[in-house]
Amino acid sequence: MIDASRIKRLKFRAWHRGTREADYMIGCFCDRYAAEWGETEVAWFERLLDEEDVDIIGWALGSLAVPPEYAGAQMDAFRKLDFVEIPR
């Protein structure tokens, strides 16, 4: 089981990216899936959070090719963008 303080740090980093678009995209993904993640998925997400927002958004939208180190099932889930709830 992943330490709760580690998940809390991930959520904070995911929701404090610097742009509203990135906050919603990355933060909502973390909120939706983090409870299900094991060590491998958490480590992947921690590495992803070190990347530039413009790259992460480009990978999610398909305007940039996903680097091999991020390709796979977790990026596939991220690219669906069905976890983003647009506030009204």
PDB file of N, CA and C in Angstrom:
ATOM      1  N   MET A   1       0.839  -1.187   0.000  1.00  0.00           N
ATOM      2  CA  MET A   1       0.000   0.000   0.000  1.00  0.00           C
ATOM      3  C   MET A   1       0.885   1.251   0.000  1.00  0.00           C
ATOM      4  N   ILE A   2       0.481   2.219  -0.765  1.00  0.00           N
ATOM      5  CA  ILE A   2       1.236   3.462  -0.897  1.00  0.00           C
ATOM      6  C   ILE A   2       0.949   4.358   0.310  1.00  0.00           C
ATOM      7  N   ASP A   3       1.989   4.965   0.828  1.00  0.00           N
ATOM      8  CA  ASP A   3       1.878   5.871   1.965  1.00  0.00           C
ATOM      9  C   ASP A   3       0.944   7.034   1.630  1.00  0.00           C
ATOM     10  N   ALA A   4       0.016   7.332   2.534  1.00  0.00           N
ATOM     11  CA  ALA A   4      -0.975   8.386   2.310  1.00  0.00           C
ATOM     12  C   ALA A   4      -0.332   9.755   2.121  1.00  0.00           C
ATOM     13  N   SER A   5       0.769  10.024   2.806  1.00  0.00           N
ATOM     14  CA  SER A   5       1.424  11.324   2.654  1.00  0.00           C
ATOM     15  C   SER A   5       2.050  11.461   1.265  1.00  0.00           C
ATOM     16  N   ARG A   6       2.475  10.370   0.690  1.00  0.00           N
ATOM     17  CA  ARG A   6       3.025  10.396  -0.676  1.00  0.00           C
ATOM     18  C   ARG A   6       1.929  10.746  -1.680  1.00  0.00           C
ATOM     19  N   ILE A   7       0.763  10.149  -1.514  1.00  0.00           N
ATOM     20  CA  ILE A   7      -0.370  10.461  -2.389  1.00  0.00           C
ATOM     21  C   ILE A   7      -0.801  11.905  -2.191  1.00  0.00           C
ATOM     22  N   LYS A   8      -0.796  12.373  -0.976  1.00  0.00           N
ATOM     23  CA  LYS A   8      -1.165  13.762  -0.699  1.00  0.00           C
ATOM     24  C   LYS A   8      -0.218  14.724  -1.420  1.00  0.00           C
ATOM     25  N   ARG A   9       1.079  14.427  -1.402  1.00  0.00           N
ATOM     26  CA  ARG A   9       2.055  15.261  -2.120  1.00  0.00           C
ATOM     27  C   ARG A   9       1.806  15.224  -3.622  1.00  0.00           C
ATOM     28  N   LEU A  10       1.500  14.039  -4.153  1.00  0.00           N
ATOM     29  CA  LEU A  10       1.196  13.918  -5.584  1.00  0.00           C
ATOM     30  C   LEU A  10      -0.004  14.782  -5.954  1.00  0.00           C
ATOM     31  N   LYS A  11      -1.044  14.705  -5.150  1.00  0.00           N
ATOM     32  CA  LYS A  11      -2.252  15.488  -5.442  1.00  0.00           C
ATOM     33  C   LYS A  11      -1.952  16.978  -5.409  1.00  0.00           C
ATOM     34  N   PHE A  12      -1.162  17.404  -4.433  1.00  0.00           N
ATOM     35  CA  PHE A  12      -0.807  18.820  -4.365  1.00  0.00           C
ATOM     36  C   PHE A  12      -0.054  19.240  -5.618  1.00  0.00           C
ATOM     37  N   ARG A  13       0.955  18.465  -5.997  1.00  0.00           N
ATOM     38  CA  ARG A  13       1.742  18.791  -7.197  1.00  0.00           C
ATOM     39  C   ARG A  13       0.887  18.748  -8.454  1.00  0.00           C
ATOM     40  N   ALA A  14      -0.052  17.816  -8.511  1.00  0.00           N
ATOM     41  CA  ALA A  14      -0.910  17.680  -9.685  1.00  0.00           C
ATOM     42  C   ALA A  14      -1.863  18.861  -9.822  1.00  0.00           C
ATOM     43  N   TRP A  15      -2.302  19.418  -8.702  1.00  0.00           N
ATOM     44  CA  TRP A  15      -3.274  20.509  -8.727  1.00  0.00           C
ATOM     45  C   TRP A  15      -2.642  21.893  -8.688  1.00  0.00           C
ATOM     46  N   HIS A  16      -1.341  21.979  -8.601  1.00  0.00           N
ATOM     47  CA  HIS A  16      -0.654  23.274  -8.529  1.00  0.00           C
ATOM     48  C   HIS A  16       0.420  23.355  -9.607  1.00  0.00           C
ATOM     49  N   ARG A  17      -0.022  23.284 -10.851  1.00  0.00           N
ATOM     50  CA  ARG A  17       0.887  23.250 -11.995  1.00  0.00           C
ATOM     51  C   ARG A  17       1.234  24.648 -12.498  1.00  0.00           C
ATOM     52  N   GLY A  18       0.348  25.574 -12.322  1.00  0.00           N
ATOM     53  CA  GLY A  18       0.623  26.926 -12.805  1.00  0.00           C
ATOM     54  C   GLY A  18      -0.372  27.431 -13.828  1.00  0.00           C
ATOM     55  N   THR A  19      -1.072  26.524 -14.488  1.00  0.00           N
ATOM     56  CA  THR A  19      -2.134  26.935 -15.410  1.00  0.00           C
ATOM     57  C   THR A  19      -3.395  26.147 -15.072  1.00  0.00           C
ATOM     58  N   ARG A  20      -4.518  26.782 -15.245  1.00  0.00           N
ATOM     59  CA  ARG A  20      -5.794  26.129 -14.925  1.00  0.00           C
ATOM     60  C   ARG A  20      -5.991  24.860 -15.756  1.00  0.00           C
ATOM     61  N   GLU A  21      -5.640  24.929 -17.030  1.00  0.00           N
ATOM     62  CA  GLU A  21      -5.818  23.771 -17.912  1.00  0.00           C
ATOM     63  C   GLU A  21      -5.022  22.570 -17.421  1.00  0.00           C
ATOM     64  N   ALA A  22      -3.776  22.812 -17.079  1.00  0.00           N
ATOM     65  CA  ALA A  22      -2.933  21.724 -16.585  1.00  0.00           C
ATOM     66  C   ALA A  22      -3.412  21.225 -15.231  1.00  0.00           C
ATOM     67  N   ASP A  23      -3.831  22.146 -14.372  1.00  0.00           N
ATOM     68  CA  ASP A  23      -4.356  21.741 -13.066  1.00  0.00           C
ATOM     69  C   ASP A  23      -5.530  20.781 -13.239  1.00  0.00           C
ATOM     70  N   TYR A  24      -6.487  21.131 -14.087  1.00  0.00           N
ATOM     71  CA  TYR A  24      -7.647  20.268 -14.283  1.00  0.00           C
ATOM     72  C   TYR A  24      -7.262  18.942 -14.922  1.00  0.00           C
ATOM     73  N   MET A  25      -6.448  18.990 -15.939  1.00  0.00           N
ATOM     74  CA  MET A  25      -6.091  17.765 -16.645  1.00  0.00           C
ATOM     75  C   MET A  25      -5.310  16.813 -15.741  1.00  0.00           C
ATOM     76  N   ILE A  26      -4.271  17.301 -15.121  1.00  0.00           N
ATOM     77  CA  ILE A  26      -3.382  16.455 -14.327  1.00  0.00           C
ATOM     78  C   ILE A  26      -3.983  16.184 -12.948  1.00  0.00           C
ATOM     79  N   GLY A  27      -4.580  17.212 -12.350  1.00  0.00           N
ATOM     80  CA  GLY A  27      -5.185  17.047 -11.036  1.00  0.00           C
ATOM     81  C   GLY A  27      -6.367  16.091 -11.040  1.00  0.00           C
ATOM     82  N   CYS A  28      -7.229  16.222 -12.017  1.00  0.00           N
ATOM     83  CA  CYS A  28      -8.382  15.324 -12.107  1.00  0.00           C
ATOM     84  C   CYS A  28      -7.940  13.884 -12.350  1.00  0.00           C
ATOM     85  N   PHE A  29      -6.907  13.693 -13.149  1.00  0.00           N
ATOM     86  CA  PHE A  29      -6.383  12.352 -13.385  1.00  0.00           C
ATOM     87  C   PHE A  29      -5.905  11.742 -12.073  1.00  0.00           C
ATOM     88  N   CYS A  30      -5.165  12.512 -11.309  1.00  0.00           N
ATOM     89  CA  CYS A  30      -4.668  12.031 -10.021  1.00  0.00           C
ATOM     90  C   CYS A  30      -5.835  11.711  -9.078  1.00  0.00           C
ATOM     91  N   ASP A  31      -6.794  12.605  -8.998  1.00  0.00           N
ATOM     92  CA  ASP A  31      -7.952  12.374  -8.129  1.00  0.00           C
ATOM     93  C   ASP A  31      -8.700  11.101  -8.521  1.00  0.00           C
ATOM     94  N   ARG A  32      -8.850  10.887  -9.803  1.00  0.00           N
ATOM     95  CA  ARG A  32      -9.627   9.738 -10.288  1.00  0.00           C
ATOM     96  C   ARG A  32      -8.910   8.409 -10.074  1.00  0.00           C
ATOM     97  N   TYR A  33      -7.595   8.352 -10.278  1.00  0.00           N
ATOM     98  CA  TYR A  33      -6.900   7.071 -10.319  1.00  0.00           C
ATOM     99  C   TYR A  33      -5.938   6.780  -9.172  1.00  0.00           C
ATOM    100  N   ALA A  34      -5.501   7.765  -8.430  1.00  0.00           N
ATOM    101  CA  ALA A  34      -4.433   7.554  -7.441  1.00  0.00           C
ATOM    102  C   ALA A  34      -4.755   6.473  -6.413  1.00  0.00           C
ATOM    103  N   ALA A  35      -5.992   6.357  -6.005  1.00  0.00           N
ATOM    104  CA  ALA A  35      -6.372   5.358  -5.003  1.00  0.00           C
ATOM    105  C   ALA A  35      -6.144   3.929  -5.498  1.00  0.00           C
ATOM    106  N   GLU A  36      -6.112   3.751  -6.824  1.00  0.00           N
ATOM    107  CA  GLU A  36      -5.944   2.424  -7.413  1.00  0.00           C
ATOM    108  C   GLU A  36      -4.488   2.080  -7.714  1.00  0.00           C
ATOM    109  N   TRP A  37      -3.599   3.052  -7.628  1.00  0.00           N
ATOM    110  CA  TRP A  37      -2.220   2.866  -8.050  1.00  0.00           C
ATOM    111  C   TRP A  37      -1.384   2.079  -7.061  1.00  0.00           C
ATOM    112  N   GLY A  38      -0.473   1.311  -7.625  1.00  0.00           N
ATOM    113  CA  GLY A  38       0.566   0.645  -6.862  1.00  0.00           C
ATOM    114  C   GLY A  38       1.860   1.428  -7.026  1.00  0.00           C
ATOM    115  N   GLU A  39       2.950   0.849  -6.593  1.00  0.00           N
ATOM    116  CA  GLU A  39       4.252   1.521  -6.640  1.00  0.00           C
ATOM    117  C   GLU A  39       4.647   1.912  -8.066  1.00  0.00           C
ATOM    118  N   THR A  40       4.427   1.044  -9.022  1.00  0.00           N
ATOM    119  CA  THR A  40       4.821   1.318 -10.407  1.00  0.00           C
ATOM    120  C   THR A  40       4.075   2.525 -10.965  1.00  0.00           C
ATOM    121  N   GLU A  41       2.770   2.587 -10.729  1.00  0.00           N
ATOM    122  CA  GLU A  41       1.962   3.690 -11.249  1.00  0.00           C
ATOM    123  C   GLU A  41       2.293   5.008 -10.550  1.00  0.00           C
ATOM    124  N   VAL A  42       2.520   4.943  -9.251  1.00  0.00           N
ATOM    125  CA  VAL A  42       2.883   6.159  -8.514  1.00  0.00           C
ATOM    126  C   VAL A  42       4.232   6.685  -8.994  1.00  0.00           C
ATOM    127  N   ALA A  43       5.192   5.798  -9.179  1.00  0.00           N
ATOM    128  CA  ALA A  43       6.511   6.220  -9.671  1.00  0.00           C
ATOM    129  C   ALA A  43       6.401   6.833 -11.063  1.00  0.00           C
ATOM    130  N   TRP A  44       5.568   6.258 -11.926  1.00  0.00           N
ATOM    131  CA  TRP A  44       5.328   6.812 -13.269  1.00  0.00           C
ATOM    132  C   TRP A  44       4.768   8.222 -13.167  1.00  0.00           C
ATOM    133  N   PHE A  45       3.774   8.401 -12.307  1.00  0.00           N
ATOM    134  CA  PHE A  45       3.144   9.706 -12.165  1.00  0.00           C
ATOM    135  C   PHE A  45       4.106  10.732 -11.567  1.00  0.00           C
ATOM    136  N   GLU A  46       4.909  10.321 -10.620  1.00  0.00           N
ATOM    137  CA  GLU A  46       5.914  11.223 -10.049  1.00  0.00           C
ATOM    138  C   GLU A  46       6.878  11.716 -11.131  1.00  0.00           C
ATOM    139  N   ARG A  47       7.310  10.820 -12.009  1.00  0.00           N
ATOM    140  CA  ARG A  47       8.182  11.225 -13.123  1.00  0.00           C
ATOM    141  C   ARG A  47       7.448  12.160 -14.079  1.00  0.00           C
ATOM    142  N   LEU A  48       6.188  11.843 -14.358  1.00  0.00           N
ATOM    143  CA  LEU A  48       5.387  12.680 -15.251  1.00  0.00           C
ATOM    144  C   LEU A  48       5.286  14.103 -14.704  1.00  0.00           C
ATOM    145  N   LEU A  49       5.108  14.238 -13.411  1.00  0.00           N
ATOM    146  CA  LEU A  49       4.975  15.554 -12.801  1.00  0.00           C
ATOM    147  C   LEU A  49       6.231  16.404 -12.931  1.00  0.00           C
ATOM    148  N   ASP A  50       7.354  15.788 -13.213  1.00  0.00           N
ATOM    149  CA  ASP A  50       8.598  16.527 -13.424  1.00  0.00           C
ATOM    150  C   ASP A  50       8.694  17.123 -14.828  1.00  0.00           C
ATOM    151  N   GLU A  51       7.791  16.722 -15.712  1.00  0.00           N
ATOM    152  CA  GLU A  51       7.798  17.201 -17.093  1.00  0.00           C
ATOM    153  C   GLU A  51       7.109  18.566 -17.195  1.00  0.00           C
ATOM    154  N   GLU A  52       7.347  19.233 -18.299  1.00  0.00           N
ATOM    155  CA  GLU A  52       6.716  20.538 -18.563  1.00  0.00           C
ATOM    156  C   GLU A  52       5.240  20.343 -18.913  1.00  0.00           C
ATOM    157  N   ASP A  53       4.416  21.264 -18.440  1.00  0.00           N
ATOM    158  CA  ASP A  53       2.977  21.186 -18.702  1.00  0.00           C
ATOM    159  C   ASP A  53       2.662  21.127 -20.193  1.00  0.00           C
ATOM    160  N   VAL A  54       3.349  21.919 -20.974  1.00  0.00           N
ATOM    161  CA  VAL A  54       3.079  21.959 -22.414  1.00  0.00           C
ATOM    162  C   VAL A  54       3.314  20.587 -23.049  1.00  0.00           C
ATOM    163  N   ASP A  55       4.307  19.865 -22.571  1.00  0.00           N
ATOM    164  CA  ASP A  55       4.562  18.521 -23.088  1.00  0.00           C
ATOM    165  C   ASP A  55       3.480  17.545 -22.636  1.00  0.00           C
ATOM    166  N   ILE A  56       3.134  17.588 -21.363  1.00  0.00           N
ATOM    167  CA  ILE A  56       2.105  16.690 -20.827  1.00  0.00           C
ATOM    168  C   ILE A  56       0.776  16.908 -21.556  1.00  0.00           C
ATOM    169  N   ILE A  57       0.399  18.153 -21.738  1.00  0.00           N
ATOM    170  CA  ILE A  57      -0.846  18.459 -22.446  1.00  0.00           C
ATOM    171  C   ILE A  57      -0.770  17.995 -23.895  1.00  0.00           C
ATOM    172  N   GLY A  58       0.368  18.204 -24.539  1.00  0.00           N
ATOM    173  CA  GLY A  58       0.553  17.743 -25.910  1.00  0.00           C
ATOM    174  C   GLY A  58       0.426  16.236 -26.034  1.00  0.00           C
ATOM    175  N   TRP A  59       0.983  15.505 -25.092  1.00  0.00           N
ATOM    176  CA  TRP A  59       0.867  14.039 -25.108  1.00  0.00           C
ATOM    177  C   TRP A  59      -0.588  13.620 -24.919  1.00  0.00           C
ATOM    178  N   ALA A  60      -1.273  14.287 -23.993  1.00  0.00           N
ATOM    179  CA  ALA A  60      -2.669  13.934 -23.716  1.00  0.00           C
ATOM    180  C   ALA A  60      -3.568  14.214 -24.909  1.00  0.00           C
ATOM    181  N   LEU A  61      -3.320  15.320 -25.591  1.00  0.00           N
ATOM    182  CA  LEU A  61      -4.172  15.707 -26.719  1.00  0.00           C
ATOM    183  C   LEU A  61      -3.757  15.061 -28.037  1.00  0.00           C
ATOM    184  N   GLY A  62      -2.593  14.430 -28.049  1.00  0.00           N
ATOM    185  CA  GLY A  62      -2.119  13.770 -29.258  1.00  0.00           C
ATOM    186  C   GLY A  62      -1.398  14.681 -30.219  1.00  0.00           C
ATOM    187  N   SER A  63      -1.097  15.902 -29.811  1.00  0.00           N
ATOM    188  CA  SER A  63      -0.370  16.814 -30.691  1.00  0.00           C
ATOM    189  C   SER A  63       1.140  16.598 -30.617  1.00  0.00           C
ATOM    190  N   LEU A  64       1.591  15.868 -29.615  1.00  0.00           N
ATOM    191  CA  LEU A  64       3.000  15.477 -29.483  1.00  0.00           C
ATOM    192  C   LEU A  64       3.070  13.968 -29.290  1.00  0.00           C
ATOM    193  N   ALA A  65       4.100  13.367 -29.828  1.00  0.00           N
ATOM    194  CA  ALA A  65       4.297  11.930 -29.638  1.00  0.00           C
ATOM    195  C   ALA A  65       4.669  11.650 -28.186  1.00  0.00           C
ATOM    196  N   VAL A  66       4.115  10.595 -27.642  1.00  0.00           N
ATOM    197  CA  VAL A  66       4.400  10.207 -26.258  1.00  0.00           C
ATOM    198  C   VAL A  66       5.764   9.534 -26.219  1.00  0.00           C
ATOM    199  N   PRO A  67       6.665  10.010 -25.367  1.00  0.00           N
ATOM    200  CA  PRO A  67       7.976   9.369 -25.240  1.00  0.00           C
ATOM    201  C   PRO A  67       7.822   7.923 -24.745  1.00  0.00           C
ATOM    202  N   PRO A  68       8.718   7.050 -25.148  1.00  0.00           N
ATOM    203  CA  PRO A  68       8.611   5.627 -24.767  1.00  0.00           C
ATOM    204  C   PRO A  68       8.506   5.405 -23.256  1.00  0.00           C
ATOM    205  N   GLU A  69       9.183   6.234 -22.464  1.00  0.00           N
ATOM    206  CA  GLU A  69       9.155   6.029 -21.014  1.00  0.00           C
ATOM    207  C   GLU A  69       7.791   6.327 -20.393  1.00  0.00           C
ATOM    208  N   TYR A  70       6.901   6.982 -21.123  1.00  0.00           N
ATOM    209  CA  TYR A  70       5.554   7.269 -20.623  1.00  0.00           C
ATOM    210  C   TYR A  70       4.475   6.480 -21.347  1.00  0.00           C
ATOM    211  N   ALA A  71       4.825   5.790 -22.399  1.00  0.00           N
ATOM    212  CA  ALA A  71       3.842   5.029 -23.177  1.00  0.00           C
ATOM    213  C   ALA A  71       3.362   3.824 -22.362  1.00  0.00           C
ATOM    214  N   GLY A  72       2.116   3.454 -22.588  1.00  0.00           N
ATOM    215  CA  GLY A  72       1.563   2.288 -21.917  1.00  0.00           C
ATOM    216  C   GLY A  72       0.155   2.543 -21.411  1.00  0.00           C
ATOM    217  N   ALA A  73      -0.311   1.637 -20.576  1.00  0.00           N
ATOM    218  CA  ALA A  73      -1.696   1.672 -20.107  1.00  0.00           C
ATOM    219  C   ALA A  73      -2.022   2.944 -19.331  1.00  0.00           C
ATOM    220  N   GLN A  74      -1.089   3.425 -18.519  1.00  0.00           N
ATOM    221  CA  GLN A  74      -1.378   4.624 -17.724  1.00  0.00           C
ATOM    222  C   GLN A  74      -1.511   5.853 -18.621  1.00  0.00           C
ATOM    223  N   MET A  75      -0.655   5.977 -19.619  1.00  0.00           N
ATOM    224  CA  MET A  75      -0.785   7.094 -20.547  1.00  0.00           C
ATOM    225  C   MET A  75      -2.050   6.931 -21.387  1.00  0.00           C
ATOM    226  N   ASP A  76      -2.399   5.701 -21.737  1.00  0.00           N
ATOM    227  CA  ASP A  76      -3.642   5.479 -22.482  1.00  0.00           C
ATOM    228  C   ASP A  76      -4.841   5.984 -21.686  1.00  0.00           C
ATOM    229  N   ALA A  77      -4.869   5.712 -20.383  1.00  0.00           N
ATOM    230  CA  ALA A  77      -5.953   6.201 -19.525  1.00  0.00           C
ATOM    231  C   ALA A  77      -5.921   7.726 -19.453  1.00  0.00           C
ATOM    232  N   PHE A  78      -4.731   8.290 -19.376  1.00  0.00           N
ATOM    233  CA  PHE A  78      -4.581   9.738 -19.306  1.00  0.00           C
ATOM    234  C   PHE A  78      -5.087  10.401 -20.589  1.00  0.00           C
ATOM    235  N   ARG A  79      -4.805   9.792 -21.715  1.00  0.00           N
ATOM    236  CA  ARG A  79      -5.169  10.369 -23.011  1.00  0.00           C
ATOM    237  C   ARG A  79      -6.674  10.313 -23.294  1.00  0.00           C
ATOM    238  N   LYS A  80      -7.411   9.499 -22.568  1.00  0.00           N
ATOM    239  CA  LYS A  80      -8.864   9.444 -22.762  1.00  0.00           C
ATOM    240  C   LYS A  80      -9.535  10.736 -22.319  1.00  0.00           C
ATOM    241  N   LEU A  81      -8.975  11.372 -21.310  1.00  0.00           N
ATOM    242  CA  LEU A  81      -9.488  12.634 -20.771  1.00  0.00           C
ATOM    243  C   LEU A  81     -10.930  12.539 -20.295  1.00  0.00           C
ATOM    244  N   ASP A  82     -11.430  11.335 -20.033  1.00  0.00           N
ATOM    245  CA  ASP A  82     -12.806  11.190 -19.555  1.00  0.00           C
ATOM    246  C   ASP A  82     -12.933  11.417 -18.051  1.00  0.00           C
ATOM    247  N   PHE A  83     -11.831  11.715 -17.410  1.00  0.00           N
ATOM    248  CA  PHE A  83     -11.810  11.947 -15.970  1.00  0.00           C
ATOM    249  C   PHE A  83     -11.917  13.442 -15.627  1.00  0.00           C
ATOM    250  N   VAL A  84     -11.864  14.303 -16.633  1.00  0.00           N
ATOM    251  CA  VAL A  84     -11.883  15.748 -16.392  1.00  0.00           C
ATOM    252  C   VAL A  84     -13.326  16.231 -16.281  1.00  0.00           C
ATOM    253  N   GLU A  85     -13.624  16.828 -15.141  1.00  0.00           N
ATOM    254  CA  GLU A  85     -14.939  17.433 -14.942  1.00  0.00           C
ATOM    255  C   GLU A  85     -14.762  18.949 -15.074  1.00  0.00           C
ATOM    256  N   ILE A  86     -15.435  19.519 -16.025  1.00  0.00           N
ATOM    257  CA  ILE A  86     -15.338  20.944 -16.281  1.00  0.00           C
ATOM    258  C   ILE A  86     -16.266  21.690 -15.308  1.00  0.00           C
ATOM    259  N   PRO A  87     -15.705  22.547 -14.445  1.00  0.00           N
ATOM    260  CA  PRO A  87     -16.572  23.278 -13.507  1.00  0.00           C
ATOM    261  C   PRO A  87     -17.409  24.323 -14.235  1.00  0.00           C
ATOM    262  N   ARG A  88     -18.541  24.561 -13.714  1.00  0.00           N
ATOM    263  CA  ARG A  88     -19.443  25.550 -14.327  1.00  0.00           C
ATOM    264  C   ARG A  88     -19.590  26.748 -13.455  1.00  0.00           C
TER     265      ARG A  88
END
